[in-house]
Amino acid sequence: MKHQFAIPIIVLLLSMALAVDAADTNPEDAATPLGYTLGSATFKEIKNDLEKKTEVRDAGTNRYSQGPMLEANGDRMGIRDLETALFIFEQDRRLAAVVLTFRKVDMGRNFDRIYGHLASKYALVSKRVPFVGDKAAHFETGSAIIDLEAPHLGFAITVTYKTRELDKRYRSQLDQNRKQEQRDSRKQF
C-alpha cells in the first residue's frame, strides 16, 4: 500500500522535468531579430535572404565569436529609421548576435516605439529612462539577451540581440582586458 503512489509520483516528476526541459528549448522563447533565430539561422540562409532585399557586405571576423560578420543597409529592410544591421556568426556559421542601429529622430520618441515592441515580446529585466540622459533597457528570453541603448548626446539607438554564450565570452574578454590594463598601469609606477 505504501508503494501504491510511488510510480504515479515518479511519472509525474519525470513529466515535469521533461516539460521544463522542453520549455528551455521552446522556439517561442528564442530571440528572432528580423525573423532570424539566434543560434539556428545560418550565414548562408541570412546572406541569401538579405541580398534579395538590400545591400550586404562582408564585415570581417568577430573577435569574440571568431565567426564571420555581415553588414546590411537598413534603409531597404522595411523598418522605420533602421540604418544598419550587423549580423555576427559563430565559427560554425550559426547566428550569434544582431546589432540594429536606428537613427535617433523625433526627440527620442523612436526609443519609446522600439522599447514598446521589445517589451511586448521579451521579458524586461531592467530599464533606465530618465527625462534627460542616457536611456537603456535590458530584456531576456530563453538563451538570448537583448539590450536597447540610446545615449543622450548620440545620434543613434542600438538594439543588440546576442546569445548568452556570446555574451559570456564577451564579458570574459572585457574582464581579461581590464586586468591586463591594471597590470600594465602598475608597471608604470
C-alpha atoms as a PDB file:
ATOM      1  CA  MET A   1       0.000   0.000   0.000  1.00  0.00           C
ATOM      2  CA  LYS A   2       2.927   2.261   0.781  1.00  0.00           C
ATOM      3  CA  HIS A   3       4.341   1.992  -2.784  1.00  0.00           C
ATOM      4  CA  GLN A   4       0.965   2.313  -4.468  1.00  0.00           C
ATOM      5  CA  PHE A   5       1.538   6.021  -5.205  1.00  0.00           C
ATOM      6  CA  ALA A   6       5.291   5.778  -5.857  1.00  0.00           C
ATOM      7  CA  ILE A   7       5.062   5.007  -9.596  1.00  0.00           C
ATOM      8  CA  PRO A   8       2.492   7.736 -10.419  1.00  0.00           C
ATOM      9  CA  ILE A   9       4.598  10.265  -8.485  1.00  0.00           C
ATOM     10  CA  ILE A  10       7.754   9.235 -10.369  1.00  0.00           C
ATOM     11  CA  VAL A  11       5.882   9.522 -13.678  1.00  0.00           C
ATOM     12  CA  LEU A  12       4.593  12.960 -12.638  1.00  0.00           C
ATOM     13  CA  LEU A  13       8.090  14.159 -11.668  1.00  0.00           C
ATOM     14  CA  LEU A  14       9.587  12.877 -14.937  1.00  0.00           C
ATOM     15  CA  SER A  15       6.821  14.596 -16.905  1.00  0.00           C
ATOM     16  CA  MET A  16       7.515  17.862 -15.092  1.00  0.00           C
ATOM     17  CA  ALA A  17      11.258  17.567 -15.769  1.00  0.00           C
ATOM     18  CA  LEU A  18      10.628  16.955 -19.466  1.00  0.00           C
ATOM     19  CA  ALA A  19       8.225  19.903 -19.602  1.00  0.00           C
ATOM     20  CA  VAL A  20      10.827  22.187 -18.030  1.00  0.00           C
ATOM     21  CA  ASP A  21      13.459  20.931 -20.485  1.00  0.00           C
ATOM     22  CA  ALA A  22      11.079  21.490 -23.401  1.00  0.00           C
ATOM     23  CA  ALA A  23      10.338  24.997 -22.154  1.00  0.00           C
ATOM     24  CA  ASP A  24      14.059  25.794 -22.254  1.00  0.00           C
ATOM     25  CA  THR A  25      14.167  24.960 -25.954  1.00  0.00           C
ATOM     26  CA  ASN A  26      10.780  26.343 -26.948  1.00  0.00           C
ATOM     27  CA  PRO A  27      11.171  28.207 -30.264  1.00  0.00           C
ATOM     28  CA  GLU A  28       8.751  30.851 -28.979  1.00  0.00           C
ATOM     29  CA  ASP A  29      11.363  31.718 -26.309  1.00  0.00           C
ATOM     30  CA  ALA A  30      14.065  32.308 -28.906  1.00  0.00           C
ATOM     31  CA  ALA A  31      15.077  35.788 -29.975  1.00  0.00           C
ATOM     32  CA  THR A  32      14.247  36.345 -33.635  1.00  0.00           C
ATOM     33  CA  PRO A  33      15.573  39.714 -34.796  1.00  0.00           C
ATOM     34  CA  LEU A  34      14.336  40.487 -38.315  1.00  0.00           C
ATOM     35  CA  GLY A  35      12.886  36.969 -38.410  1.00  0.00           C
ATOM     36  CA  TYR A  36      16.248  35.186 -37.977  1.00  0.00           C
ATOM     37  CA  THR A  37      16.516  32.938 -34.924  1.00  0.00           C
ATOM     38  CA  LEU A  38      19.646  33.317 -32.815  1.00  0.00           C
ATOM     39  CA  GLY A  39      21.538  30.058 -32.528  1.00  0.00           C
ATOM     40  CA  SER A  40      19.917  28.376 -35.514  1.00  0.00           C
ATOM     41  CA  ALA A  41      19.789  30.694 -38.546  1.00  0.00           C
ATOM     42  CA  THR A  42      22.841  30.210 -40.775  1.00  0.00           C
ATOM     43  CA  PHE A  43      25.227  32.556 -42.565  1.00  0.00           C
ATOM     44  CA  LYS A  44      24.231  31.244 -45.992  1.00  0.00           C
ATOM     45  CA  GLU A  45      20.489  31.456 -45.283  1.00  0.00           C
ATOM     46  CA  ILE A  46      20.708  35.025 -43.979  1.00  0.00           C
ATOM     47  CA  LYS A  47      23.078  36.263 -46.681  1.00  0.00           C
ATOM     48  CA  ASN A  48      20.911  34.820 -49.477  1.00  0.00           C
ATOM     49  CA  ASP A  49      17.773  36.346 -47.964  1.00  0.00           C
ATOM     50  CA  LEU A  50      19.322  39.771 -47.337  1.00  0.00           C
ATOM     51  CA  GLU A  51      20.777  40.029 -50.848  1.00  0.00           C
ATOM     52  CA  LYS A  52      17.223  39.909 -52.188  1.00  0.00           C
ATOM     53  CA  LYS A  53      16.274  42.958 -50.073  1.00  0.00           C
ATOM     54  CA  THR A  54      19.252  45.245 -49.660  1.00  0.00           C
ATOM     55  CA  GLU A  55      22.983  45.810 -49.987  1.00  0.00           C
ATOM     56  CA  VAL A  56      25.090  43.366 -47.960  1.00  0.00           C
ATOM     57  CA  ARG A  57      28.820  43.440 -47.309  1.00  0.00           C
ATOM     58  CA  ASP A  58      31.337  41.236 -45.543  1.00  0.00           C
ATOM     59  CA  ALA A  59      32.229  42.925 -42.241  1.00  0.00           C
ATOM     60  CA  GLY A  60      35.204  40.756 -41.269  1.00  0.00           C
ATOM     61  CA  THR A  61      35.594  38.349 -38.372  1.00  0.00           C
ATOM     62  CA  ASN A  62      34.180  38.973 -34.913  1.00  0.00           C
ATOM     63  CA  ARG A  63      36.813  38.989 -32.175  1.00  0.00           C
ATOM     64  CA  TYR A  64      34.558  37.299 -29.600  1.00  0.00           C
ATOM     65  CA  SER A  65      32.853  34.610 -31.688  1.00  0.00           C
ATOM     66  CA  GLN A  66      35.715  34.135 -34.184  1.00  0.00           C
ATOM     67  CA  GLY A  67      32.991  33.858 -36.823  1.00  0.00           C
ATOM     68  CA  PRO A  68      32.147  35.960 -39.877  1.00  0.00           C
ATOM     69  CA  MET A  69      30.053  39.123 -39.850  1.00  0.00           C
ATOM     70  CA  LEU A  70      27.690  40.636 -42.414  1.00  0.00           C
ATOM     71  CA  GLU A  71      26.520  44.234 -42.512  1.00  0.00           C
ATOM     72  CA  ALA A  72      23.276  45.125 -44.272  1.00  0.00           C
ATOM     73  CA  ASN A  73      21.953  48.523 -45.309  1.00  0.00           C
ATOM     74  CA  GLY A  74      18.858  49.122 -43.196  1.00  0.00           C
ATOM     75  CA  ASP A  75      17.118  51.599 -45.499  1.00  0.00           C
ATOM     76  CA  ARG A  76      15.511  48.866 -47.613  1.00  0.00           C
ATOM     77  CA  MET A  77      14.612  46.432 -44.845  1.00  0.00           C
ATOM     78  CA  GLY A  78      11.150  47.798 -44.126  1.00  0.00           C
ATOM     79  CA  ILE A  79      11.793  49.055 -40.593  1.00  0.00           C
ATOM     80  CA  ARG A  80      11.408  52.750 -39.916  1.00  0.00           C
ATOM     81  CA  ASP A  81      14.681  54.600 -39.168  1.00  0.00           C
ATOM     82  CA  LEU A  82      16.856  51.452 -39.391  1.00  0.00           C
ATOM     83  CA  GLU A  83      20.317  52.461 -40.655  1.00  0.00           C
ATOM     84  CA  THR A  84      22.282  49.213 -40.468  1.00  0.00           C
ATOM     85  CA  ALA A  85      22.006  45.643 -39.312  1.00  0.00           C
ATOM     86  CA  LEU A  86      25.183  43.812 -38.292  1.00  0.00           C
ATOM     87  CA  PHE A  87      24.934  40.022 -38.190  1.00  0.00           C
ATOM     88  CA  ILE A  88      27.551  38.176 -36.103  1.00  0.00           C
ATOM     89  CA  PHE A  89      28.034  34.448 -36.530  1.00  0.00           C
ATOM     90  CA  GLU A  90      29.780  31.716 -34.567  1.00  0.00           C
ATOM     91  CA  GLN A  91      32.631  29.743 -36.147  1.00  0.00           C
ATOM     92  CA  ASP A  92      30.067  27.113 -37.190  1.00  0.00           C
ATOM     93  CA  ARG A  93      28.308  29.935 -39.097  1.00  0.00           C
ATOM     94  CA  ARG A  94      25.195  29.980 -36.884  1.00  0.00           C
ATOM     95  CA  LEU A  95      23.780  33.365 -35.895  1.00  0.00           C
ATOM     96  CA  ALA A  96      25.165  34.573 -32.539  1.00  0.00           C
ATOM     97  CA  ALA A  97      24.151  38.240 -32.491  1.00  0.00           C
ATOM     98  CA  VAL A  98      22.417  41.019 -34.397  1.00  0.00           C
ATOM     99  CA  VAL A  99      23.135  44.702 -33.807  1.00  0.00           C
ATOM    100  CA  LEU A 100      20.488  47.040 -35.199  1.00  0.00           C
ATOM    101  CA  THR A 101      21.354  50.732 -35.459  1.00  0.00           C
ATOM    102  CA  PHE A 102      18.492  53.210 -35.723  1.00  0.00           C
ATOM    103  CA  ARG A 103      18.563  56.937 -36.425  1.00  0.00           C
ATOM    104  CA  LYS A 104      17.618  58.911 -33.329  1.00  0.00           C
ATOM    105  CA  VAL A 105      14.759  61.113 -34.534  1.00  0.00           C
ATOM    106  CA  ASP A 106      11.520  62.628 -33.223  1.00  0.00           C
ATOM    107  CA  MET A 107      13.112  63.893 -29.999  1.00  0.00           C
ATOM    108  CA  GLY A 108      13.818  60.303 -28.937  1.00  0.00           C
ATOM    109  CA  ARG A 109      10.248  59.089 -29.458  1.00  0.00           C
ATOM    110  CA  ASN A 110      11.562  56.252 -31.587  1.00  0.00           C
ATOM    111  CA  PHE A 111      13.243  54.910 -28.407  1.00  0.00           C
ATOM    112  CA  ASP A 112       9.759  54.608 -26.917  1.00  0.00           C
ATOM    113  CA  ARG A 113       8.451  52.932 -30.079  1.00  0.00           C
ATOM    114  CA  ILE A 114      11.301  50.380 -30.147  1.00  0.00           C
ATOM    115  CA  TYR A 115      11.029  49.826 -26.389  1.00  0.00           C
ATOM    116  CA  GLY A 116       7.314  49.097 -26.792  1.00  0.00           C
ATOM    117  CA  HIS A 117       7.969  46.494 -29.489  1.00  0.00           C
ATOM    118  CA  LEU A 118      10.635  44.754 -27.388  1.00  0.00           C
ATOM    119  CA  ALA A 119       8.600  44.896 -24.160  1.00  0.00           C
ATOM    120  CA  SER A 120       5.640  43.236 -25.897  1.00  0.00           C
ATOM    121  CA  LYS A 121       7.797  40.279 -26.929  1.00  0.00           C
ATOM    122  CA  TYR A 122      10.559  39.815 -24.335  1.00  0.00           C
ATOM    123  CA  ALA A 123      10.849  39.835 -20.529  1.00  0.00           C
ATOM    124  CA  LEU A 124      12.063  43.171 -19.181  1.00  0.00           C
ATOM    125  CA  VAL A 125      14.925  42.771 -16.700  1.00  0.00           C
ATOM    126  CA  SER A 126      15.848  46.415 -16.166  1.00  0.00           C
ATOM    127  CA  LYS A 127      15.340  49.839 -17.645  1.00  0.00           C
ATOM    128  CA  ARG A 128      16.733  53.325 -17.194  1.00  0.00           C
ATOM    129  CA  VAL A 129      14.646  56.007 -18.867  1.00  0.00           C
ATOM    130  CA  PRO A 130      15.384  59.405 -17.315  1.00  0.00           C
ATOM    131  CA  PHE A 131      13.740  62.580 -18.615  1.00  0.00           C
ATOM    132  CA  VAL A 132      17.228  63.779 -19.646  1.00  0.00           C
ATOM    133  CA  GLY A 133      20.177  61.436 -20.067  1.00  0.00           C
ATOM    134  CA  ASP A 134      21.124  58.061 -21.480  1.00  0.00           C
ATOM    135  CA  LYS A 135      18.221  55.652 -21.939  1.00  0.00           C
ATOM    136  CA  ALA A 136      18.603  51.884 -21.771  1.00  0.00           C
ATOM    137  CA  ALA A 137      16.586  48.706 -21.315  1.00  0.00           C
ATOM    138  CA  HIS A 138      17.671  45.108 -20.824  1.00  0.00           C
ATOM    139  CA  PHE A 139      15.462  42.173 -21.871  1.00  0.00           C
ATOM    140  CA  GLU A 140      15.952  38.414 -21.759  1.00  0.00           C
ATOM    141  CA  THR A 141      14.342  35.386 -23.303  1.00  0.00           C
ATOM    142  CA  GLY A 142      15.360  31.746 -23.474  1.00  0.00           C
ATOM    143  CA  SER A 143      19.047  31.683 -24.379  1.00  0.00           C
ATOM    144  CA  ALA A 144      19.240  35.316 -25.517  1.00  0.00           C
ATOM    145  CA  ILE A 145      19.859  38.791 -24.144  1.00  0.00           C
ATOM    146  CA  ILE A 146      18.507  41.943 -25.778  1.00  0.00           C
ATOM    147  CA  ASP A 147      19.893  45.407 -24.973  1.00  0.00           C
ATOM    148  CA  LEU A 148      18.349  48.694 -26.107  1.00  0.00           C
ATOM    149  CA  GLU A 149      20.603  51.748 -25.733  1.00  0.00           C
ATOM    150  CA  ALA A 150      20.148  55.409 -26.628  1.00  0.00           C
ATOM    151  CA  PRO A 151      22.990  57.677 -25.478  1.00  0.00           C
ATOM    152  CA  HIS A 152      21.685  61.151 -24.653  1.00  0.00           C
ATOM    153  CA  LEU A 153      24.213  63.009 -26.805  1.00  0.00           C
ATOM    154  CA  GLY A 154      24.385  60.359 -29.522  1.00  0.00           C
ATOM    155  CA  PHE A 155      22.655  60.285 -32.869  1.00  0.00           C
ATOM    156  CA  ALA A 156      21.769  56.579 -32.891  1.00  0.00           C
ATOM    157  CA  ILE A 157      19.817  53.980 -30.957  1.00  0.00           C
ATOM    158  CA  THR A 158      21.156  50.422 -30.880  1.00  0.00           C
ATOM    159  CA  VAL A 159      19.375  47.177 -30.223  1.00  0.00           C
ATOM    160  CA  THR A 160      21.717  44.249 -29.613  1.00  0.00           C
ATOM    161  CA  TYR A 161      20.419  40.694 -29.648  1.00  0.00           C
ATOM    162  CA  LYS A 162      23.004  38.125 -28.530  1.00  0.00           C
ATOM    163  CA  THR A 163      23.184  34.577 -27.301  1.00  0.00           C
ATOM    164  CA  ARG A 164      24.101  34.098 -23.660  1.00  0.00           C
ATOM    165  CA  GLU A 165      27.163  32.140 -24.787  1.00  0.00           C
ATOM    166  CA  LEU A 166      28.482  35.043 -26.856  1.00  0.00           C
ATOM    167  CA  ASP A 167      27.726  37.462 -24.019  1.00  0.00           C
ATOM    168  CA  LYS A 168      29.686  35.236 -21.624  1.00  0.00           C
ATOM    169  CA  ARG A 169      32.743  35.236 -23.921  1.00  0.00           C
ATOM    170  CA  TYR A 170      32.428  38.998 -24.448  1.00  0.00           C
ATOM    171  CA  ARG A 171      32.320  39.701 -20.709  1.00  0.00           C
ATOM    172  CA  SER A 172      35.214  37.331 -20.068  1.00  0.00           C
ATOM    173  CA  GLN A 173      37.343  39.114 -22.676  1.00  0.00           C
ATOM    174  CA  LEU A 174      36.465  42.524 -21.195  1.00  0.00           C
ATOM    175  CA  ASP A 175      37.480  41.260 -17.752  1.00  0.00           C
ATOM    176  CA  GLN A 176      40.796  39.942 -19.112  1.00  0.00           C
ATOM    177  CA  ASN A 177      41.456  43.271 -20.858  1.00  0.00           C
ATOM    178  CA  ARG A 178      40.684  45.204 -17.667  1.00  0.00           C
ATOM    179  CA  LYS A 179      43.057  43.025 -15.637  1.00  0.00           C
ATOM    180  CA  GLN A 180      45.798  43.441 -18.242  1.00  0.00           C
ATOM    181  CA  GLU A 181      45.338  47.225 -18.196  1.00  0.00           C
ATOM    182  CA  GLN A 182      45.655  47.190 -14.394  1.00  0.00           C
ATOM    183  CA  ARG A 183      48.883  45.133 -14.589  1.00  0.00           C
ATOM    184  CA  ASP A 184      50.270  47.466 -17.257  1.00  0.00           C
ATOM    185  CA  SER A 185      49.295  50.504 -15.210  1.00  0.00           C
ATOM    186  CA  ARG A 186      51.007  49.119 -12.074  1.00  0.00           C
ATOM    187  CA  LYS A 187      54.226  48.652 -14.035  1.00  0.00           C
ATOM    188  CA  GLN A 188      54.278  52.398 -14.711  1.00  0.00           C
ATOM    189  CA  PHE A 189      54.671  53.181 -11.008  1.00  0.00           C
END
